[in-house]
Amino acid sequence: MKFINKIYTLSLLAFLATAITSCQKGDLLNNPNAAGDGTLVPPSLLLNRITSNLIKAEEQPFAQAHRTNQYYVSNYSYYWGSNFYNWSNSDQQYETFRYAVKLEEQAAKLGNTTNAYFALSKFFKAYSAIWLSQRVGDIPMSEAVNTTILTPKFDSQKEVYRSSLALLEDANTVMANLLAITPANKNLVFDAQGDVFGLTYIQWQKVINTYKLRVLISLSKRADDNADLNVKAQFAAIIGNAAKYPVMEAINDNMLYKYNASFNPYPVFTSKSYSYGVNISKTLLDITTSSEDPRTFVFATPAPAQYKTAGKNVGDFSAYVGASTNTDQAVLFAGTDVLGSTSADKGAYSYINFKRYFSSQDGSTAEPYILLGYPEMCFNIAEAINRGWLGGDAKSWYDKGINASLGVYGLTNGQVFPVSDRLGATIATTVIDIPRFLANQNVAYKGNSADGLKQILTQKYVSMFCNSGYEPFYNWLRTGYPAFAEGGVGIGTPNNKLSRRWMYPQNEITYNSANYQASIQSQYGGNDDITKDTWLNK
């Protein structure tokens, strides 16, 4: 896929070789307007750098992450890339980590460490460390901030998670202390210029704790055999003490990345010719159509062969047909007749809803990108209750998650919803029936059982459609739900199996070779093997 905007990243080498306190001329950290020796860089500038670049290009709408998540399938490699899982070296988040360290330094220079910048520096350090560790396993963390150590040791993934959870705890404590001192700040936007998310003080505190719930639930496979991490107790402590640990309360607390034509255009070319090359995935549509989920109409167009040739009504869920990631791309290309303006109307598969997502360059017809959201949090809480980590009503949280997701897309019962074709022209309308969807046997909660857990994980997957980065894939790695397409030639790996991780960043391999070699020996038997699970998912 060809993006309009690219997010610049720095390697670990650049982070280590360029001392944080002595940056090159022109670097953001060198503030020519600062008084005296220039050591006090306005924290808002650092925060802007971090928040503007927190989402990687590969994680934005309809990017690589969402092919990996099996929300859509590319049938035309020139514009949309392949569907292969034959990954090589990972990207990294050391720039975010580097700037978070600098933000912490500058926040401390404001006179005390009870300020929101100091709290957020801890959040971003945890976020960036976990981002990379999820992809590769053990990473340098504890020594990565020491510029006198050019070859930092690798911390085990367990230690990365332990340290990150401690950082998140500290971040919440700092924010709580700050709001106790200045309660009037609670609902004020924290930093309108530095924070692209535009969150208030209390919303940032909610983000910190909601993200911590995500991190804790991601440890579900390690919760019993690593009692020292106190995974279950930490999760229960957050839910059991709303005053100490406020979390998101509704979708208006979502951490949103908003697009606009002037400064942050929608990151996908919106020419109609590009829209031919992307079909909705069978993995997703098999779930939504079998449960009569009205979000089907939001995500997809009816397959041309179904409503044009077969004459099906646009409200008929069987008119929506997903393309399988298992299928060879050449077969998908032929099945959708991408290049023929007339023959494409006979395509076998549903397309992305062009009218909603691609019809305006500034993204005004699409919902903002959710980096972390309330619906996900509801499902995480429901999962924890289902697993017996804490008391409560899993069904209630499960239902809240579904209804919140419907709210993200503006769906209401009885709504007359326009259904468009692959070019964005309205074909007809259908009526949204939410009670029928909620009563469907695949959706009505089956209790705190394995079946109920499968439902929670499945509905969380649907709620994350083309948002939340690689989180849907990580959930699949951890739980096996929903069932991803695997085993076909379209996967593009030697055994047609999905990769389980990325190889380490190339600069890590080149410039920190001894520690890298020792780490892959202890983790993966000496081979940087993408088919192996990290400690998190073993």
Protein backbone atom coordinates (compact mmCIF):
# COMPACT_ATOMS: atom_id res chain seq x y z
CA MET A 1 0.00 0.00 0.00
CA LYS A 2 1.27 3.50 -0.79
CA PHE A 3 0.78 5.91 2.08
CA ILE A 4 0.57 9.67 1.76
CA ASN A 5 2.33 10.26 5.04
CA LYS A 6 5.25 8.25 6.35
CA ILE A 7 6.32 8.11 9.96
CA TYR A 8 10.04 8.59 10.46
CA THR A 9 11.76 6.24 12.91
CA LEU A 10 15.19 6.15 14.52
CA SER A 11 17.19 2.99 15.08
CA LEU A 12 18.62 1.82 18.34
CA LEU A 13 22.05 2.78 17.02
CA ALA A 14 20.95 6.36 16.46
CA PHE A 15 19.50 6.43 19.94
CA LEU A 16 22.72 5.19 21.50
CA ALA A 17 25.20 7.05 19.32
CA THR A 18 23.52 10.44 19.64
CA ALA A 19 23.64 11.44 23.29
CA ILE A 20 20.27 12.65 24.46
CA THR A 21 21.75 15.73 26.10
CA SER A 22 23.87 16.83 23.12
CA CYS A 23 21.80 16.68 19.96
CA GLN A 24 22.82 17.78 16.51
CA LYS A 25 22.00 21.22 15.20
CA GLY A 26 18.41 21.41 14.03
CA ASP A 27 17.23 18.50 16.16
CA LEU A 28 13.94 19.04 17.98
CA LEU A 29 15.72 18.61 21.29
CA ASN A 30 18.02 21.57 20.63
CA ASN A 31 15.77 24.52 21.43
CA PRO A 32 17.36 27.76 20.18
CA ASN A 33 14.71 29.80 22.02
CA ALA A 34 15.44 28.37 25.45
CA ALA A 35 16.91 30.73 28.01
CA GLY A 36 20.43 30.40 29.40
CA ASP A 37 22.24 27.25 28.30
CA GLY A 38 19.23 25.87 26.45
CA THR A 39 18.87 22.84 28.69
CA LEU A 40 15.14 23.34 29.34
CA VAL A 41 13.30 22.16 26.26
CA PRO A 42 9.56 22.89 26.45
CA PRO A 43 8.03 19.51 27.30
CA SER A 44 5.12 20.29 24.97
CA LEU A 45 7.50 20.02 22.01
CA LEU A 46 8.66 16.60 23.15
CA LEU A 47 5.09 15.49 23.80
CA ASN A 48 4.09 16.59 20.32
CA ARG A 49 6.91 14.58 18.80
CA ILE A 50 5.88 11.49 20.72
CA THR A 51 2.12 11.69 20.19
CA SER A 52 2.46 12.64 16.52
CA ASN A 53 4.58 9.59 15.81
CA LEU A 54 3.13 7.06 18.23
CA ILE A 55 1.28 5.20 15.48
CA LYS A 56 3.59 3.57 12.96
CA ALA A 57 2.75 3.82 9.26
CA GLU A 58 2.19 0.06 9.10
CA GLU A 59 -0.47 0.31 11.81
CA GLN A 60 -2.69 3.00 10.33
CA PRO A 61 -6.02 2.32 8.59
CA PHE A 62 -5.81 -0.37 5.91
CA ALA A 63 -2.06 -0.77 6.41
CA GLN A 64 0.03 -3.91 6.88
CA ALA A 65 -1.22 -4.50 10.42
CA HIS A 66 -4.77 -4.95 9.22
CA ARG A 67 -3.86 -7.45 6.52
CA THR A 68 -2.02 -9.30 9.29
CA ASN A 69 -5.16 -8.99 11.45
CA GLN A 70 -7.12 -10.45 8.50
CA TYR A 71 -9.60 -7.61 8.24
CA TYR A 72 -8.95 -7.16 4.55
CA VAL A 73 -7.21 -9.01 1.74
CA SER A 74 -5.15 -7.49 -1.04
CA ASN A 75 -5.91 -8.79 -4.53
CA TYR A 76 -3.57 -6.33 -6.27
CA SER A 77 0.00 -6.13 -4.98
CA TYR A 78 1.02 -2.89 -6.74
CA TYR A 79 -1.17 -0.70 -4.54
CA TRP A 80 -1.92 -2.92 -1.57
CA GLY A 81 1.04 -5.27 -1.18
CA SER A 82 0.89 -9.01 -0.62
CA ASN A 83 -0.94 -11.02 2.00
CA PHE A 84 2.21 -12.90 2.97
CA TYR A 85 3.34 -13.57 6.52
CA ASN A 86 6.97 -14.16 5.50
CA TRP A 87 8.25 -11.42 7.78
CA SER A 88 11.82 -10.32 8.18
CA ASN A 89 13.27 -7.68 10.48
CA SER A 90 10.99 -5.77 12.81
CA ASP A 91 10.62 -2.04 12.99
CA GLN A 92 11.23 -0.60 16.46
CA GLN A 93 9.99 2.06 18.88
CA TYR A 94 13.28 3.36 20.25
CA GLU A 95 12.57 6.88 19.04
CA THR A 96 9.50 6.97 21.28
CA PHE A 97 11.54 5.51 24.14
CA ARG A 98 14.29 8.08 23.55
CA TYR A 99 11.94 11.02 23.56
CA ALA A 100 10.11 9.65 26.60
CA VAL A 101 13.41 9.64 28.49
CA LYS A 102 14.04 13.22 27.44
CA LEU A 103 10.48 14.18 28.40
CA GLU A 104 11.08 12.73 31.86
CA GLU A 105 14.28 14.76 32.22
CA GLN A 106 12.67 18.01 31.12
CA ALA A 107 9.55 17.42 33.22
CA ALA A 108 11.76 17.04 36.30
CA LYS A 109 13.38 20.40 35.52
CA LEU A 110 10.02 22.13 35.88
CA GLY A 111 10.64 22.12 39.61
CA ASN A 112 8.95 18.94 40.79
CA THR A 113 8.02 15.50 39.55
CA THR A 114 4.31 15.87 40.23
CA ASN A 115 3.30 16.95 36.76
CA ALA A 116 1.54 15.30 33.86
CA TYR A 117 4.59 15.30 31.59
CA PHE A 118 6.48 13.24 34.14
CA ALA A 119 3.59 10.77 34.34
CA LEU A 120 3.28 10.47 30.58
CA SER A 121 7.01 9.92 30.13
CA LYS A 122 6.59 6.72 32.15
CA PHE A 123 3.56 5.68 30.11
CA PHE A 124 5.40 6.16 26.81
CA LYS A 125 8.45 4.25 28.02
CA ALA A 126 6.23 1.32 28.94
CA TYR A 127 4.26 1.57 25.70
CA SER A 128 7.34 1.61 23.45
CA ALA A 129 9.09 -1.23 25.32
CA ILE A 130 6.05 -3.49 25.16
CA TRP A 131 5.45 -2.58 21.51
CA LEU A 132 8.83 -4.03 20.50
CA SER A 133 8.89 -6.89 22.98
CA GLN A 134 5.56 -8.20 21.68
CA ARG A 135 7.14 -8.45 18.25
CA VAL A 136 10.49 -10.05 19.03
CA GLY A 137 10.79 -11.18 22.67
CA ASP A 138 13.66 -10.09 24.93
CA ILE A 139 14.90 -6.54 24.29
CA PRO A 140 17.35 -4.01 25.74
CA MET A 141 15.43 -1.88 28.23
CA SER A 142 17.18 -1.30 31.55
CA GLU A 143 20.47 -0.31 29.91
CA ALA A 144 19.01 1.25 26.77
CA VAL A 145 18.89 4.72 28.32
CA ASN A 146 22.54 4.69 29.38
CA THR A 147 24.47 6.45 26.62
CA THR A 148 27.79 5.19 27.99
CA ILE A 149 26.75 1.61 27.20
CA LEU A 150 26.87 1.11 23.44
CA THR A 151 25.92 -2.56 23.60
CA PRO A 152 23.10 -2.79 26.15
CA LYS A 153 22.14 -6.14 27.59
CA PHE A 154 18.87 -7.77 26.69
CA ASP A 155 16.24 -7.95 29.43
CA SER A 156 14.00 -10.99 29.41
CA GLN A 157 10.49 -10.42 28.13
CA LYS A 158 9.24 -11.18 31.62
CA GLU A 159 11.43 -8.41 33.04
CA VAL A 160 10.30 -6.00 30.31
CA TYR A 161 6.71 -6.62 31.36
CA ARG A 162 7.51 -6.38 35.06
CA SER A 163 9.31 -3.05 34.52
CA SER A 164 6.58 -1.72 32.25
CA LEU A 165 3.83 -2.56 34.73
CA ALA A 166 5.81 -0.73 37.41
CA LEU A 167 6.16 2.30 35.11
CA LEU A 168 2.41 2.31 34.52
CA GLU A 169 1.76 2.11 38.25
CA ASP A 170 4.08 5.07 38.80
CA ALA A 171 2.41 7.02 35.99
CA ASN A 172 -1.00 6.56 37.59
CA THR A 173 0.35 7.59 41.00
CA VAL A 174 1.87 10.79 39.62
CA MET A 175 -1.36 11.72 37.84
CA ALA A 176 -3.43 10.95 40.92
CA ASN A 177 -1.18 13.10 43.12
CA LEU A 178 -1.30 15.93 40.60
CA LEU A 179 -5.10 15.91 40.40
CA ALA A 180 -5.33 15.77 44.18
CA ILE A 181 -3.32 19.00 44.32
CA THR A 182 -5.08 20.67 41.37
CA PRO A 183 -8.55 19.10 41.09
CA ALA A 184 -9.72 21.95 38.83
CA ASN A 185 -7.47 20.54 36.08
CA LYS A 186 -9.33 17.24 35.93
CA ASN A 187 -11.47 17.96 32.86
CA LEU A 188 -9.20 20.48 31.18
CA VAL A 189 -7.33 19.55 28.02
CA PHE A 190 -3.84 18.78 29.23
CA ASP A 191 -1.73 20.20 26.37
CA ALA A 192 -3.63 21.42 23.33
CA GLN A 193 -0.45 22.07 21.35
CA GLY A 194 1.67 19.12 22.41
CA ASP A 195 -0.91 16.33 22.54
CA VAL A 196 -2.37 15.34 19.16
CA PHE A 197 -4.94 13.19 20.97
CA GLY A 198 -6.38 16.24 22.75
CA LEU A 199 -7.05 14.39 26.01
CA THR A 200 -7.88 15.95 29.35
CA TYR A 201 -5.86 15.26 32.48
CA ILE A 202 -8.33 12.66 33.73
CA GLN A 203 -8.60 11.05 30.30
CA TRP A 204 -4.84 10.55 30.22
CA GLN A 205 -5.05 8.89 33.62
CA LYS A 206 -7.80 6.66 32.24
CA VAL A 207 -5.63 5.81 29.23
CA ILE A 208 -2.76 4.78 31.52
CA ASN A 209 -4.94 2.39 33.52
CA THR A 210 -6.92 1.10 30.54
CA TYR A 211 -3.66 0.33 28.76
CA LYS A 212 -2.43 -1.45 31.88
CA LEU A 213 -5.51 -3.69 31.71
CA ARG A 214 -4.55 -4.54 28.11
CA VAL A 215 -1.02 -5.41 29.21
CA LEU A 216 -2.25 -7.56 32.10
CA ILE A 217 -4.76 -9.52 29.99
CA SER A 218 -2.01 -10.11 27.41
CA LEU A 219 -0.20 -12.05 30.18
CA SER A 220 -3.04 -14.57 30.57
CA LYS A 221 -0.87 -17.51 29.49
CA ARG A 222 1.79 -16.55 32.04
CA ALA A 223 -0.49 -15.55 34.92
CA ASP A 224 -0.43 -18.93 36.69
CA ASP A 225 3.20 -19.98 36.17
CA ASN A 226 4.63 -16.55 37.10
CA ALA A 227 2.91 -15.78 40.38
CA ASP A 228 5.52 -13.14 41.21
CA LEU A 229 4.05 -10.88 38.53
CA ASN A 230 0.72 -10.74 40.41
CA VAL A 231 -1.16 -10.45 37.12
CA LYS A 232 -4.59 -11.37 38.42
CA ALA A 233 -4.26 -9.32 41.59
CA GLN A 234 -3.12 -6.24 39.68
CA PHE A 235 -6.04 -6.55 37.27
CA ALA A 236 -8.53 -6.96 40.13
CA ALA A 237 -7.01 -4.02 42.00
CA ILE A 238 -7.69 -1.68 39.09
CA ILE A 239 -11.30 -2.78 38.65
CA GLY A 240 -11.90 -2.82 42.39
CA ASN A 241 -10.76 0.74 43.07
CA ALA A 242 -12.15 3.23 40.56
CA ALA A 243 -11.11 6.18 42.71
CA LYS A 244 -7.46 5.18 42.66
CA TYR A 245 -7.45 3.69 39.15
CA PRO A 246 -9.94 5.51 36.90
CA VAL A 247 -10.47 3.77 33.57
CA MET A 248 -12.39 4.65 30.42
CA GLU A 249 -16.12 5.07 30.98
CA ALA A 250 -17.47 5.51 27.45
CA ILE A 251 -16.36 5.84 23.84
CA ASN A 252 -15.72 9.55 24.31
CA ASP A 253 -12.70 8.51 26.38
CA ASN A 254 -11.21 6.66 23.39
CA MET A 255 -7.63 7.51 22.49
CA LEU A 256 -8.25 8.74 18.94
CA TYR A 257 -5.95 9.69 16.10
CA LYS A 258 -7.97 12.18 14.06
CA TYR A 259 -7.41 13.01 10.39
CA ASN A 260 -7.81 16.32 8.60
CA ALA A 261 -6.95 17.68 5.18
CA SER A 262 -4.61 20.43 6.40
CA PHE A 263 -2.20 18.72 8.77
CA ASN A 264 -2.90 15.02 8.98
CA PRO A 265 -4.56 13.68 5.82
CA TYR A 266 -6.08 10.25 5.68
CA PRO A 267 -3.09 7.95 5.08
CA VAL A 268 -4.47 6.05 2.09
CA PHE A 269 -4.75 7.14 -1.52
CA THR A 270 -8.46 7.48 -2.22
CA SER A 271 -8.61 7.06 -5.98
CA LYS A 272 -11.38 4.68 -6.99
CA SER A 273 -8.87 2.60 -8.92
CA TYR A 274 -7.11 1.74 -5.65
CA SER A 275 -10.32 0.59 -4.01
CA TYR A 276 -10.68 -2.26 -6.49
CA GLY A 277 -7.62 -3.94 -5.04
CA VAL A 278 -8.89 -4.59 -1.52
CA ASN A 279 -11.53 -7.07 -0.43
CA ILE A 280 -12.96 -7.66 3.03
CA SER A 281 -11.54 -10.78 4.62
CA LYS A 282 -13.45 -14.01 4.94
CA THR A 283 -12.16 -14.23 8.53
CA LEU A 284 -14.15 -11.12 9.45
CA LEU A 285 -17.23 -11.51 7.25
CA ASP A 286 -17.81 -15.13 8.25
CA ILE A 287 -18.23 -13.83 11.81
CA THR A 288 -20.42 -10.82 11.07
CA THR A 289 -22.68 -12.41 8.48
CA SER A 290 -23.32 -15.57 10.51
CA SER A 291 -24.39 -13.43 13.46
CA GLU A 292 -26.45 -10.92 11.41
CA ASP A 293 -24.16 -8.17 12.63
CA PRO A 294 -25.16 -4.73 11.27
CA ARG A 295 -21.50 -3.69 11.27
CA THR A 296 -21.29 -5.81 8.11
CA PHE A 297 -22.91 -2.92 6.23
CA VAL A 298 -20.39 -0.48 7.68
CA PHE A 299 -17.31 -2.48 6.75
CA ALA A 300 -18.24 -3.92 3.39
CA THR A 301 -20.13 -3.67 0.14
CA PRO A 302 -22.22 -6.60 -1.06
CA ALA A 303 -20.31 -8.80 -3.49
CA PRO A 304 -21.23 -7.72 -7.06
CA ALA A 305 -21.90 -11.30 -8.11
CA GLN A 306 -24.44 -11.60 -5.30
CA TYR A 307 -26.54 -8.48 -5.71
CA LYS A 308 -26.08 -7.84 -9.43
CA THR A 309 -26.01 -11.35 -10.86
CA ALA A 310 -27.83 -13.36 -8.21
CA GLY A 311 -30.23 -10.51 -7.43
CA LYS A 312 -29.93 -10.64 -3.67
CA ASN A 313 -31.19 -7.80 -1.50
CA VAL A 314 -28.45 -5.58 -0.02
CA GLY A 315 -29.80 -6.39 3.45
CA ASP A 316 -29.27 -10.11 2.87
CA PHE A 317 -26.19 -11.09 4.84
CA SER A 318 -25.43 -13.89 2.39
CA ALA A 319 -24.74 -11.20 -0.23
CA TYR A 320 -21.54 -10.32 1.64
CA VAL A 321 -18.69 -12.68 0.78
CA GLY A 322 -15.18 -12.40 2.15
CA ALA A 323 -11.96 -13.28 0.37
CA SER A 324 -9.63 -15.72 2.10
CA THR A 325 -6.07 -14.87 3.05
CA ASN A 326 -5.27 -18.49 2.18
CA THR A 327 -6.02 -17.88 -1.50
CA ASP A 328 -3.26 -17.14 -3.98
CA GLN A 329 -3.31 -13.44 -4.85
CA ALA A 330 -3.47 -14.19 -8.59
CA VAL A 331 -6.69 -16.13 -8.02
CA LEU A 332 -8.12 -13.27 -5.95
CA PHE A 333 -7.14 -10.83 -8.69
CA ALA A 334 -8.96 -12.87 -11.32
CA GLY A 335 -11.96 -13.36 -9.06
CA THR A 336 -12.47 -9.65 -8.59
CA ASP A 337 -11.54 -8.53 -12.14
CA VAL A 338 -9.71 -5.57 -10.67
CA LEU A 339 -8.74 -3.83 -13.88
CA GLY A 340 -12.00 -4.11 -15.77
CA SER A 341 -14.35 -1.21 -15.08
CA THR A 342 -17.30 -3.31 -16.19
CA SER A 343 -16.17 -6.81 -15.32
CA ALA A 344 -15.24 -5.72 -11.80
CA ASP A 345 -18.96 -5.36 -11.19
CA LYS A 346 -19.15 -9.17 -11.42
CA GLY A 347 -16.61 -9.70 -8.65
CA ALA A 348 -17.06 -12.67 -6.36
CA TYR A 349 -16.05 -10.87 -3.18
CA SER A 350 -17.11 -7.91 -1.10
CA TYR A 351 -15.05 -4.74 -1.23
CA ILE A 352 -14.15 -2.28 1.50
CA ASN A 353 -16.94 0.26 1.96
CA PHE A 354 -15.44 2.92 -0.31
CA LYS A 355 -18.07 5.53 0.50
CA ARG A 356 -17.26 5.40 4.19
CA TYR A 357 -13.50 5.03 4.18
CA PHE A 358 -12.08 6.35 0.93
CA SER A 359 -14.44 8.97 -0.50
CA SER A 360 -12.75 11.97 1.10
CA GLN A 361 -9.07 12.70 1.37
CA ASP A 362 -9.25 14.06 4.91
CA GLY A 363 -11.00 10.98 6.29
CA SER A 364 -14.09 12.93 7.28
CA THR A 365 -16.35 10.06 6.20
CA ALA A 366 -14.49 7.55 8.37
CA GLU A 367 -14.23 7.29 12.11
CA PRO A 368 -10.93 8.43 13.64
CA TYR A 369 -8.35 5.74 14.27
CA ILE A 370 -8.65 4.19 17.73
CA LEU A 371 -5.30 3.53 19.34
CA LEU A 372 -6.87 2.37 22.61
CA GLY A 373 -10.60 2.21 23.15
CA TYR A 374 -13.43 1.67 25.60
CA PRO A 375 -14.95 -1.30 23.71
CA GLU A 376 -11.67 -3.22 23.99
CA MET A 377 -11.49 -2.44 27.70
CA CYS A 378 -15.00 -3.82 28.25
CA PHE A 379 -14.06 -7.08 26.55
CA ASN A 380 -10.81 -7.31 28.54
CA ILE A 381 -12.76 -6.98 31.78
CA ALA A 382 -15.31 -9.55 30.59
CA GLU A 383 -12.45 -11.94 29.75
CA ALA A 384 -10.86 -11.49 33.17
CA ILE A 385 -14.17 -12.26 34.90
CA ASN A 386 -14.73 -15.25 32.62
CA ARG A 387 -11.27 -16.56 33.57
CA GLY A 388 -12.04 -16.14 37.28
CA TRP A 389 -9.55 -13.35 37.94
CA LEU A 390 -12.17 -11.28 39.73
CA GLY A 391 -15.85 -11.26 40.57
CA GLY A 392 -18.47 -9.44 38.58
CA ASP A 393 -20.85 -9.87 35.68
CA ALA A 394 -18.97 -10.86 32.54
CA LYS A 395 -22.14 -10.67 30.46
CA SER A 396 -22.69 -7.06 31.45
CA TRP A 397 -19.19 -6.05 30.33
CA TYR A 398 -19.49 -8.17 27.17
CA ASP A 399 -22.76 -6.46 26.26
CA LYS A 400 -21.24 -3.05 27.03
CA GLY A 401 -18.38 -3.80 24.67
CA ILE A 402 -20.71 -4.76 21.82
CA ASN A 403 -22.99 -1.77 22.29
CA ALA A 404 -20.03 0.60 22.58
CA SER A 405 -18.64 -0.72 19.31
CA LEU A 406 -21.99 -0.21 17.60
CA GLY A 407 -21.88 3.33 18.96
CA VAL A 408 -18.45 3.94 17.42
CA TYR A 409 -20.05 3.37 14.02
CA GLY A 410 -23.14 5.41 14.83
CA LEU A 411 -25.50 2.44 14.48
CA THR A 412 -28.91 2.61 16.14
CA ASN A 413 -31.85 0.26 16.03
CA GLY A 414 -34.34 1.02 13.24
CA GLN A 415 -31.84 3.24 11.44
CA VAL A 416 -32.24 3.35 7.66
CA PHE A 417 -28.72 2.64 6.45
CA PRO A 418 -27.54 3.36 2.89
CA VAL A 419 -25.60 0.53 1.25
CA SER A 420 -23.19 1.50 -1.51
CA ASP A 421 -21.38 -0.28 -4.32
CA ARG A 422 -17.62 -0.55 -4.76
CA LEU A 423 -17.45 3.00 -6.21
CA GLY A 424 -19.40 4.63 -3.39
CA ALA A 425 -22.75 5.03 -5.15
CA THR A 426 -25.78 4.13 -3.02
CA ILE A 427 -27.48 0.96 -4.24
CA ALA A 428 -30.33 0.78 -1.77
CA THR A 429 -30.99 0.99 1.96
CA THR A 430 -31.42 -1.54 4.72
CA VAL A 431 -32.81 -1.25 8.23
CA ILE A 432 -30.48 -1.82 11.20
CA ASP A 433 -31.85 -4.50 13.53
CA ILE A 434 -29.76 -4.56 16.70
CA PRO A 435 -32.05 -6.76 18.87
CA ARG A 436 -31.95 -9.52 16.24
CA PHE A 437 -28.14 -9.33 16.23
CA LEU A 438 -27.85 -9.43 20.02
CA ALA A 439 -30.25 -12.38 20.22
CA ASN A 440 -28.34 -14.39 17.61
CA GLN A 441 -27.12 -17.71 19.01
CA ASN A 442 -23.55 -16.79 18.12
CA VAL A 443 -23.76 -13.53 20.09
CA ALA A 444 -26.01 -14.08 23.14
CA TYR A 445 -23.52 -14.75 25.95
CA LYS A 446 -23.13 -18.42 26.83
CA GLY A 447 -21.83 -17.91 30.34
CA ASN A 448 -18.45 -18.09 32.04
CA SER A 449 -17.31 -21.05 30.00
CA ALA A 450 -14.99 -21.78 27.11
CA ASP A 451 -17.82 -20.93 24.73
CA GLY A 452 -18.39 -17.62 26.50
CA LEU A 453 -14.69 -16.81 26.33
CA LYS A 454 -14.68 -17.51 22.60
CA GLN A 455 -17.59 -15.09 22.17
CA ILE A 456 -15.78 -12.36 24.13
CA LEU A 457 -12.62 -12.73 22.07
CA THR A 458 -14.55 -12.89 18.81
CA GLN A 459 -16.55 -9.75 19.50
CA LYS A 460 -13.41 -7.94 20.63
CA TYR A 461 -11.87 -8.83 17.27
CA VAL A 462 -14.82 -7.38 15.35
CA SER A 463 -14.75 -4.21 17.45
CA MET A 464 -11.11 -3.58 16.47
CA PHE A 465 -11.77 -3.48 12.73
CA CYS A 466 -8.81 -1.65 11.16
CA ASN A 467 -7.77 0.05 14.40
CA SER A 468 -5.67 -0.76 17.50
CA GLY A 469 -2.53 -1.68 15.56
CA TYR A 470 -1.55 -5.36 15.75
CA GLU A 471 -3.55 -5.99 18.92
CA PRO A 472 -6.08 -8.30 17.16
CA PHE A 473 -3.20 -10.44 15.87
CA TYR A 474 -1.59 -10.58 19.32
CA ASN A 475 -4.92 -11.69 20.76
CA TRP A 476 -5.07 -14.47 18.19
CA LEU A 477 -1.51 -15.54 19.07
CA ARG A 478 -2.48 -15.67 22.73
CA THR A 479 -5.87 -17.36 22.47
CA GLY A 480 -6.39 -18.83 19.00
CA TYR A 481 -9.59 -16.80 18.54
CA PRO A 482 -11.07 -16.04 16.18
CA ALA A 483 -9.86 -18.76 13.82
CA PHE A 484 -7.50 -17.10 11.34
CA ALA A 485 -7.04 -18.39 7.80
CA GLU A 486 -3.90 -20.52 7.70
CA GLY A 487 -2.48 -23.35 5.61
CA GLY A 488 -3.04 -21.97 2.12
CA VAL A 489 -0.54 -20.73 -0.46
CA GLY A 490 -1.69 -17.15 0.08
CA ILE A 491 0.12 -17.12 3.45
CA GLY A 492 3.47 -17.15 1.62
CA THR A 493 5.57 -18.96 4.25
CA PRO A 494 7.41 -22.25 3.61
CA ASN A 495 4.79 -24.27 5.49
CA ASN A 496 1.88 -21.90 4.80
CA LYS A 497 1.61 -21.23 8.52
CA LEU A 498 1.24 -17.79 10.07
CA SER A 499 4.40 -16.27 11.51
CA ARG A 500 4.49 -15.98 15.28
CA ARG A 501 6.98 -13.11 15.62
CA TRP A 502 9.36 -10.84 13.71
CA MET A 503 13.12 -11.06 13.45
CA TYR A 504 15.07 -8.51 15.48
CA PRO A 505 15.69 -5.04 14.00
CA GLN A 506 18.71 -5.12 11.70
CA ASN A 507 20.59 -2.45 13.61
CA GLU A 508 20.29 -4.53 16.77
CA ILE A 509 21.79 -7.47 14.92
CA THR A 510 24.61 -5.40 13.43
CA TYR A 511 25.65 -3.18 16.32
CA ASN A 512 24.74 -5.26 19.37
CA SER A 513 25.69 -8.61 17.93
CA ALA A 514 27.06 -10.42 20.99
CA ASN A 515 24.04 -9.64 23.15
CA TYR A 516 21.72 -10.39 20.25
CA GLN A 517 23.30 -13.79 19.62
CA ALA A 518 23.16 -14.69 23.31
CA SER A 519 19.51 -13.69 23.47
CA ILE A 520 18.32 -15.70 20.48
CA GLN A 521 20.32 -18.66 21.74
CA SER A 522 18.49 -18.60 25.08
CA GLN A 523 15.08 -17.88 23.54
CA TYR A 524 15.02 -19.69 20.22
CA GLY A 525 17.91 -22.12 20.14
CA GLY A 526 20.21 -19.80 18.21
CA ASN A 527 17.90 -19.08 15.27
CA ASP A 528 15.97 -15.79 14.95
CA ASP A 529 12.98 -17.90 13.97
CA ILE A 530 9.68 -16.25 13.05
CA THR A 531 7.81 -19.52 13.63
CA LYS A 532 8.67 -19.55 17.35
CA ASP A 533 6.52 -18.06 20.11
CA THR A 534 7.96 -15.52 22.51
CA TRP A 535 7.77 -16.23 26.24
CA LEU A 536 4.47 -14.34 26.32
CA ASN A 537 2.64 -16.89 24.18
CA LYS A 538 4.42 -20.20 24.86
